[in-house]
Amino acid sequence: MIASLLAAAAVSIVPTPVADQPVVTQVKDVQPQIAEAMLSCMVKRDGGLTACSVQSEFPADMGVGKAAVSMASQFQVDLMGPDGKSRAGSFIDVPVRIRIR
């Protein structure tokens, strides 16, 4: 879905030219879009994440939350929290930002 949106937004073709005129293709300067999701995940004993759920996502119609959940099993976090205690077995908020070109 994301790729089709980008392809549709990136190129527009001018209608068929008159016999004397060349075909002109205009490529717009597409700025990357940032998509964001906030996950809540449990920290495993090895620092991996499990049991993730989507708390919020923006834009809502792009499936960013679902993509973030599918990537979360590859994330590693520091087992020690800022308070010096182990995070293993606790839930943490995990912000995910995806740059879309």
Protein backbone atom coordinates (compact mmCIF):
# COMPACT_ATOMS: atom_id res chain seq x y z
CA MET A 1 0.00 0.00 0.00
CA ILE A 2 2.78 2.43 0.91
CA ALA A 3 4.65 1.78 -2.34
CA SER A 4 1.55 2.36 -4.45
CA LEU A 5 0.86 5.64 -2.65
CA LEU A 6 4.40 6.80 -3.28
CA ALA A 7 4.34 5.81 -6.93
CA ALA A 8 1.06 7.63 -7.45
CA ALA A 9 2.36 10.76 -5.71
CA ALA A 10 5.80 10.85 -7.36
CA VAL A 11 5.07 10.90 -11.10
CA SER A 12 2.45 12.68 -13.11
CA ILE A 13 2.37 12.49 -16.90
CA VAL A 14 1.16 15.32 -19.09
CA PRO A 15 -1.65 14.22 -21.47
CA THR A 16 -0.78 13.02 -24.99
CA PRO A 17 1.02 15.83 -26.83
CA VAL A 18 0.13 17.40 -30.13
CA ALA A 19 2.21 15.99 -33.03
CA ASP A 20 4.83 18.81 -32.83
CA GLN A 21 5.38 18.64 -29.07
CA PRO A 22 7.56 16.14 -27.20
CA VAL A 23 6.20 14.04 -24.34
CA VAL A 24 6.98 15.70 -21.00
CA THR A 25 7.16 13.81 -17.74
CA GLN A 26 7.19 15.79 -14.52
CA VAL A 27 8.68 14.27 -11.38
CA LYS A 28 7.72 16.07 -8.22
CA ASP A 29 10.24 16.49 -5.43
CA VAL A 30 8.74 14.08 -2.91
CA GLN A 31 9.66 14.81 0.70
CA PRO A 32 9.96 11.78 2.99
CA GLN A 33 6.98 11.26 5.26
CA ILE A 34 7.38 10.19 8.87
CA ALA A 35 4.99 7.58 10.21
CA GLU A 36 4.90 6.86 13.94
CA ALA A 37 3.58 4.19 16.25
CA MET A 38 3.72 3.77 20.02
CA LEU A 39 3.93 0.18 21.20
CA SER A 40 3.61 -1.31 24.66
CA CYS A 41 5.89 -4.36 24.95
CA MET A 42 7.08 -6.73 27.66
CA VAL A 43 10.84 -6.97 28.14
CA LYS A 44 12.20 -10.52 28.10
CA ARG A 45 15.12 -11.67 30.25
CA ASP A 46 17.49 -11.38 27.29
CA GLY A 47 16.44 -7.78 26.52
CA GLY A 48 14.19 -8.76 23.61
CA LEU A 49 10.58 -7.61 23.36
CA THR A 50 7.42 -9.70 23.34
CA ALA A 51 3.64 -9.31 23.75
CA CYS A 52 3.63 -5.97 21.91
CA SER A 53 0.43 -4.07 21.25
CA VAL A 54 -0.22 -0.84 19.39
CA GLN A 55 -1.11 2.07 21.67
CA SER A 56 -1.29 4.69 18.90
CA GLU A 57 -0.24 5.23 15.30
CA PHE A 58 -0.11 8.11 12.85
CA PRO A 59 -1.25 8.23 10.13
CA ALA A 60 -3.86 5.70 11.12
CA ASP A 61 -4.60 4.38 7.63
CA MET A 62 -1.09 3.21 6.65
CA GLY A 63 -0.70 0.09 8.82
CA VAL A 64 2.30 1.55 10.68
CA GLY A 65 1.30 -0.06 13.98
CA LYS A 66 1.09 -3.51 12.43
CA ALA A 67 4.49 -3.03 10.75
CA ALA A 68 6.03 -1.86 14.04
CA VAL A 69 4.67 -4.91 15.90
CA SER A 70 6.14 -7.22 13.25
CA MET A 71 9.58 -5.57 13.67
CA ALA A 72 9.52 -5.45 17.48
CA SER A 73 10.74 -9.03 17.94
CA GLN A 74 14.07 -7.87 16.46
CA PHE A 75 14.51 -5.00 18.95
CA GLN A 76 16.84 -5.21 21.94
CA VAL A 77 16.64 -2.92 24.95
CA ASP A 78 18.93 -2.33 27.91
CA LEU A 79 17.76 -4.55 30.77
CA MET A 80 18.60 -1.90 33.35
CA GLY A 81 16.12 0.94 33.54
CA PRO A 82 17.06 4.51 34.46
CA ASP A 83 16.33 3.64 38.10
CA GLY A 84 18.96 0.85 38.05
CA LYS A 85 16.37 -1.93 38.31
CA SER A 86 15.87 -4.74 35.82
CA ARG A 87 13.12 -4.21 33.26
CA ALA A 88 12.70 -7.96 32.62
CA GLY A 89 9.03 -8.92 32.90
CA SER A 90 7.78 -5.35 32.83
CA PHE A 91 6.01 -3.46 30.06
CA ILE A 92 7.64 -0.45 28.44
CA ASP A 93 6.52 2.07 25.83
CA VAL A 94 8.42 1.73 22.58
CA PRO A 95 8.20 4.62 20.09
CA VAL A 96 8.76 3.58 16.46
CA ARG A 97 9.35 6.10 13.66
CA ILE A 98 9.39 4.97 10.04
CA ARG A 99 10.65 7.24 7.28
CA ILE A 100 8.73 6.71 4.05
CA ARG A 101 10.11 7.94 0.75
